[in-house]
């Protein structure tokens, strides 16, 4: 088990700590206020941009598969009684359009260690002297080490404060989990595929099957679309605000990237209700 921890620390945790500390030193060197909070934002942006190509590949693959739904449905009709032929035909269709269904997992596998390492780095920054010793233990050069815990104030807020402490830290902290959950909802909803459209050639049985499938998918997707933001919002309620700064920065960039590749996705009906003149 230790060998995996050592590999993780060497490849991810150590480098990210050093990048965060170096960014912090650079910002304090030019006397920028809220240097530590800004360092979190800049490092989060840098890491999100670094893994952006992998996420973009995943989003494009998902969009292509969504666009191929009519062809997949046609193949399902054609090979309704032969599952093996259906699978072969679907793989041939994916190959023709340059889609690897298994490739969607790769970006997640690549980005997760980076995200975890960044999260752990930020968490350690709010753990007083113990966290300071932990961070300094991974610093490459003695001259880079932090002599004191960084000033955790950013935009007038103590990043070590938790929204759950609003009674003593201020009621405005309640906005943090609400914002975090809201942004997560937008991103989750955008990634929800639009309903399958019926075709004039569909028989009554096919329409019933589509409706049944759509109802099942809608129930599952609705649970995920609402449960994930609620869960993330709860975490934001219990964790230091600095972690929410990282998460929200990460989510905002994800929303922008998702929009650039696939538009508003599942948020389209919501956007049209809020702004009827908006283009699809």
Protein backbone atom coordinates (compact mmCIF):
# COMPACT_ATOMS: atom_id res chain seq x y z
CA UNK A 1 0.00 0.00 0.00
CA UNK A 2 2.88 2.37 0.84
CA UNK A 3 4.37 1.99 -2.62
CA UNK A 4 1.17 3.32 -4.21
CA UNK A 5 1.13 6.23 -1.75
CA UNK A 6 4.75 7.01 -2.59
CA UNK A 7 4.02 6.94 -6.33
CA UNK A 8 1.00 9.21 -5.86
CA UNK A 9 2.99 11.65 -3.73
CA UNK A 10 5.89 11.71 -6.20
CA UNK A 11 3.81 12.14 -9.36
CA UNK A 12 0.96 14.31 -8.13
CA UNK A 13 0.91 15.51 -4.52
CA UNK A 14 4.51 16.78 -4.38
CA UNK A 15 4.49 18.65 -7.71
CA UNK A 16 1.14 20.32 -6.98
CA UNK A 17 2.27 21.45 -3.53
CA UNK A 18 5.39 22.98 -5.04
CA UNK A 19 3.39 24.74 -7.76
CA UNK A 20 0.97 26.17 -5.19
CA UNK A 21 3.75 27.39 -2.91
CA UNK A 22 5.77 28.88 -5.78
CA UNK A 23 2.68 30.69 -7.08
CA UNK A 24 2.00 31.98 -3.58
CA UNK A 25 5.60 33.22 -3.21
CA UNK A 26 5.42 34.95 -6.62
CA UNK A 27 2.19 36.75 -5.70
CA UNK A 28 3.40 37.81 -2.25
CA UNK A 29 6.64 39.00 -3.85
CA UNK A 30 4.71 41.62 -5.78
CA UNK A 31 2.51 42.38 -2.74
CA UNK A 32 -0.79 41.16 -4.17
CA UNK A 33 -3.44 40.94 -1.43
CA UNK A 34 -5.18 37.61 -0.92
CA UNK A 35 -2.19 35.88 -2.47
CA UNK A 36 -2.99 32.40 -1.18
CA UNK A 37 -6.59 32.45 -2.42
CA UNK A 38 -5.48 33.79 -5.79
CA UNK A 39 -2.79 31.10 -5.92
CA UNK A 40 -5.52 28.46 -5.46
CA UNK A 41 -7.54 29.98 -8.31
CA UNK A 42 -4.55 30.25 -10.67
CA UNK A 43 -3.33 26.73 -9.90
CA UNK A 44 -6.83 25.32 -10.38
CA UNK A 45 -7.12 27.08 -13.75
CA UNK A 46 -3.69 25.81 -14.80
CA UNK A 47 -4.50 22.22 -13.89
CA UNK A 48 -7.95 22.40 -15.51
CA UNK A 49 -6.39 23.72 -18.71
CA UNK A 50 -3.73 21.02 -18.54
CA UNK A 51 -6.29 18.23 -18.51
CA UNK A 52 -8.68 20.12 -20.83
CA UNK A 53 -7.65 18.13 -23.96
CA UNK A 54 -8.53 14.84 -22.25
CA UNK A 55 -11.88 16.18 -21.05
CA UNK A 56 -12.56 17.67 -24.49
CA UNK A 57 -11.95 14.28 -26.09
CA UNK A 58 -14.42 12.73 -23.66
CA UNK A 59 -17.06 15.40 -24.34
CA UNK A 60 -16.67 15.11 -28.11
CA UNK A 61 -16.97 11.34 -27.94
CA UNK A 62 -20.13 11.64 -25.85
CA UNK A 63 -21.61 14.18 -28.26
CA UNK A 64 -20.83 12.00 -31.28
CA UNK A 65 -22.50 9.02 -29.64
CA UNK A 66 -25.54 11.17 -28.89
CA UNK A 67 -25.67 12.37 -32.51
CA UNK A 68 -25.61 8.76 -33.70
CA UNK A 69 -28.78 7.80 -31.81
CA UNK A 70 -30.94 7.66 -34.98
CA UNK A 71 -28.46 5.30 -36.68
CA UNK A 72 -28.19 3.17 -33.53
CA UNK A 73 -31.97 2.93 -33.34
CA UNK A 74 -32.09 1.89 -36.99
CA UNK A 75 -29.53 -0.84 -36.30
CA UNK A 76 -31.56 -1.98 -33.30
CA UNK A 77 -34.59 -2.43 -35.54
CA UNK A 78 -32.59 -4.22 -38.22
CA UNK A 79 -30.88 -6.64 -35.81
CA UNK A 80 -33.65 -6.89 -33.23
CA UNK A 81 -33.42 -10.69 -33.14
CA UNK A 82 -29.62 -11.01 -33.33
CA UNK A 83 -27.77 -9.35 -30.46
CA UNK A 84 -24.35 -10.39 -31.72
CA UNK A 85 -24.95 -8.87 -35.15
CA UNK A 86 -26.27 -5.73 -33.45
CA UNK A 87 -23.12 -5.39 -31.36
CA UNK A 88 -20.92 -5.88 -34.43
CA UNK A 89 -22.92 -3.33 -36.43
CA UNK A 90 -22.72 -0.79 -33.62
CA UNK A 91 -18.95 -1.22 -33.29
CA UNK A 92 -18.60 -0.80 -37.06
CA UNK A 93 -20.66 2.41 -36.85
CA UNK A 94 -18.50 3.73 -34.01
CA UNK A 95 -15.33 2.88 -35.92
CA UNK A 96 -16.65 4.63 -39.03
CA UNK A 97 -17.17 7.83 -37.06
CA UNK A 98 -13.93 7.54 -35.08
CA UNK A 99 -15.56 6.76 -31.73
CA UNK A 100 -14.09 4.49 -29.08
CA UNK A 101 -16.82 3.87 -26.46
CA UNK A 102 -14.22 2.82 -23.89
CA UNK A 103 -12.17 5.99 -24.40
CA UNK A 104 -14.60 8.01 -22.30
CA UNK A 105 -13.19 6.43 -19.14
CA UNK A 106 -9.58 7.46 -19.87
CA UNK A 107 -9.95 11.21 -19.21
CA UNK A 108 -11.58 10.49 -15.85
CA UNK A 109 -8.77 8.12 -14.89
CA UNK A 110 -6.19 10.74 -15.87
CA UNK A 111 -7.78 13.69 -14.13
CA UNK A 112 -8.84 12.06 -10.85
CA UNK A 113 -5.32 11.75 -9.30
CA UNK A 114 -4.65 15.39 -10.22
CA UNK A 115 -7.92 16.57 -8.68
CA UNK A 116 -7.37 14.51 -5.52
CA UNK A 117 -3.83 15.83 -5.12
CA UNK A 118 -4.98 19.44 -5.52
CA UNK A 119 -7.79 18.87 -3.02
CA UNK A 120 -5.41 17.36 -0.46
CA UNK A 121 -2.97 20.22 -0.95
CA UNK A 122 -5.65 22.82 -0.23
CA UNK A 123 -6.96 20.84 2.75
CA UNK A 124 -3.47 20.67 4.26
CA UNK A 125 -3.15 24.43 3.90
CA UNK A 126 -5.99 24.88 6.41
CA UNK A 127 -4.64 22.43 9.00
CA UNK A 128 -2.48 24.82 11.03
CA UNK A 129 1.06 23.84 11.97
CA UNK A 130 0.45 20.16 11.20
CA UNK A 131 -0.60 21.04 7.65
CA UNK A 132 2.32 23.48 7.31
CA UNK A 133 4.78 20.74 8.29
CA UNK A 134 3.13 18.38 5.82
CA UNK A 135 3.44 20.88 2.97
CA UNK A 136 7.05 21.75 3.81
CA UNK A 137 7.89 18.05 3.88
CA UNK A 138 7.24 17.90 0.14
CA UNK A 139 8.94 21.15 -0.88
CA UNK A 140 11.86 20.52 -3.24
CA UNK A 141 14.09 23.42 -2.18
CA UNK A 142 14.62 24.64 1.41
CA UNK A 143 14.38 28.24 0.20
CA UNK A 144 10.80 27.61 -0.96
CA UNK A 145 9.54 26.40 2.42
CA UNK A 146 6.84 28.33 4.23
CA UNK A 147 7.99 29.80 7.53
CA UNK A 148 4.45 30.64 8.62
CA UNK A 149 0.92 29.64 7.74
CA UNK A 150 -0.16 31.83 4.77
CA UNK A 151 -2.68 34.61 5.27
CA UNK A 152 -5.91 32.85 4.36
CA UNK A 153 -8.00 35.96 3.70
CA UNK A 154 -9.27 36.32 0.12
CA UNK A 155 -11.77 38.94 -1.06
CA UNK A 156 -12.48 39.75 2.57
CA UNK A 157 -13.25 36.13 3.53
CA UNK A 158 -11.17 33.77 5.65
CA UNK A 159 -10.70 30.72 3.42
CA UNK A 160 -10.35 28.51 6.50
CA UNK A 161 -13.90 29.36 7.61
CA UNK A 162 -16.69 26.88 7.03
CA UNK A 163 -20.24 27.84 5.99
CA UNK A 164 -21.48 25.66 8.86
CA UNK A 165 -19.86 28.24 11.17
CA UNK A 166 -22.03 31.07 9.80
CA UNK A 167 -23.35 31.89 13.29
CA UNK A 168 -19.92 33.24 14.26
CA UNK A 169 -18.33 33.88 10.86
CA UNK A 170 -21.27 35.66 9.17
CA UNK A 171 -24.49 34.68 7.41
CA UNK A 172 -23.03 35.55 4.00
CA UNK A 173 -21.11 32.29 4.18
CA UNK A 174 -24.41 30.53 3.50
CA UNK A 175 -24.15 31.74 -0.09
CA UNK A 176 -21.08 29.55 -0.67
CA UNK A 177 -22.78 26.11 -0.56
CA UNK A 178 -25.73 27.53 -2.51
CA UNK A 179 -23.41 28.82 -5.25
CA UNK A 180 -21.43 25.59 -5.25
CA UNK A 181 -24.56 23.44 -5.57
CA UNK A 182 -25.98 25.77 -8.24
CA UNK A 183 -22.88 25.63 -10.43
CA UNK A 184 -22.70 21.85 -10.06
CA UNK A 185 -26.35 21.58 -11.08
CA UNK A 186 -25.75 23.61 -14.24
CA UNK A 187 -22.80 21.42 -15.23
CA UNK A 188 -24.65 18.19 -14.44
CA UNK A 189 -27.74 19.33 -16.35
CA UNK A 190 -25.67 20.35 -19.37
CA UNK A 191 -24.22 16.83 -19.52
CA UNK A 192 -27.70 15.27 -19.51
CA UNK A 193 -28.66 14.15 -23.03
CA UNK A 194 -31.82 15.57 -24.57
CA UNK A 195 -34.85 13.22 -24.88
CA UNK A 196 -34.95 10.79 -27.79
CA UNK A 197 -37.22 12.21 -30.48
CA UNK A 198 -39.92 9.98 -32.00
CA UNK A 199 -39.91 9.52 -35.77
CA UNK A 200 -42.92 9.43 -38.09
CA UNK A 201 -41.91 5.92 -39.17
CA UNK A 202 -42.02 4.57 -35.61
CA UNK A 203 -44.71 1.99 -34.97
CA UNK A 204 -46.98 2.14 -31.94
CA UNK A 205 -44.86 -0.50 -30.22
CA UNK A 206 -41.67 1.40 -30.94
CA UNK A 207 -43.19 4.62 -29.60
CA UNK A 208 -44.20 2.80 -26.41
CA UNK A 209 -40.71 1.33 -26.03
CA UNK A 210 -39.12 4.76 -26.53
CA UNK A 211 -41.47 6.31 -24.01
CA UNK A 212 -40.74 3.57 -21.48
CA UNK A 213 -36.99 3.86 -22.03
CA UNK A 214 -37.17 7.64 -21.80
CA UNK A 215 -39.12 7.46 -18.53
CA UNK A 216 -36.53 5.12 -17.03
CA UNK A 217 -33.60 7.23 -18.22
CA UNK A 218 -35.25 10.44 -17.04
CA UNK A 219 -35.79 9.01 -13.56
CA UNK A 220 -32.15 7.91 -13.24
CA UNK A 221 -30.75 11.11 -14.75
CA UNK A 222 -33.01 13.27 -12.62
CA UNK A 223 -31.76 11.59 -9.48
CA UNK A 224 -28.13 12.11 -10.51
CA UNK A 225 -28.73 15.67 -11.72
CA UNK A 226 -30.21 16.73 -8.40
CA UNK A 227 -28.45 14.40 -5.96
CA UNK A 228 -24.90 15.26 -7.04
CA UNK A 229 -25.32 19.04 -6.60
CA UNK A 230 -26.97 18.46 -3.21
CA UNK A 231 -24.09 16.22 -2.16
CA UNK A 232 -21.46 18.70 -3.36
CA UNK A 233 -23.37 21.52 -1.67
CA UNK A 234 -23.34 19.57 1.61
CA UNK A 235 -19.59 19.02 1.32
CA UNK A 236 -19.18 22.75 0.69
CA UNK A 237 -21.22 23.41 3.85
CA UNK A 238 -18.86 21.33 5.99
CA UNK A 239 -15.47 22.06 4.40
CA UNK A 240 -13.29 25.21 4.44
CA UNK A 241 -14.29 27.86 1.89
CA UNK A 242 -10.89 27.51 0.22
CA UNK A 243 -11.92 24.07 -0.99
CA UNK A 244 -15.10 25.59 -2.49
CA UNK A 245 -12.97 28.23 -4.25
CA UNK A 246 -11.05 25.42 -5.91
CA UNK A 247 -14.19 23.39 -6.74
CA UNK A 248 -16.17 26.32 -8.12
CA UNK A 249 -13.26 27.51 -10.27
CA UNK A 250 -12.94 23.98 -11.62
CA UNK A 251 -16.69 23.77 -12.30
CA UNK A 252 -16.95 27.15 -14.04
CA UNK A 253 -14.17 26.21 -16.46
CA UNK A 254 -15.93 22.87 -17.03
CA UNK A 255 -19.19 24.65 -17.86
CA UNK A 256 -17.42 26.90 -20.37
CA UNK A 257 -15.66 23.93 -21.99
CA UNK A 258 -18.89 21.92 -22.13
CA UNK A 259 -20.71 24.84 -23.76
CA UNK A 260 -17.98 25.36 -26.37
CA UNK A 261 -18.13 21.69 -27.42
CA UNK A 262 -21.74 20.68 -26.97
CA UNK A 263 -23.72 23.85 -26.28
CA UNK A 264 -26.15 23.95 -23.37
CA UNK A 265 -27.03 20.27 -23.72
CA UNK A 266 -29.68 19.27 -21.20
CA UNK A 267 -29.89 22.88 -19.99
CA UNK A 268 -31.32 23.99 -23.35
CA UNK A 269 -35.02 23.85 -22.31
CA UNK A 270 -34.17 25.78 -19.13
CA UNK A 271 -32.27 28.44 -21.10
CA UNK A 272 -35.20 28.85 -23.50
CA UNK A 273 -37.59 29.35 -20.60
CA UNK A 274 -35.34 31.97 -19.03
CA UNK A 275 -34.39 33.60 -22.36
CA UNK A 276 -36.84 32.63 -25.15
CA UNK A 277 -34.77 34.48 -27.74
CA UNK A 278 -31.63 32.45 -26.99
CA UNK A 279 -30.30 30.35 -29.84
CA UNK A 280 -30.03 26.64 -29.51
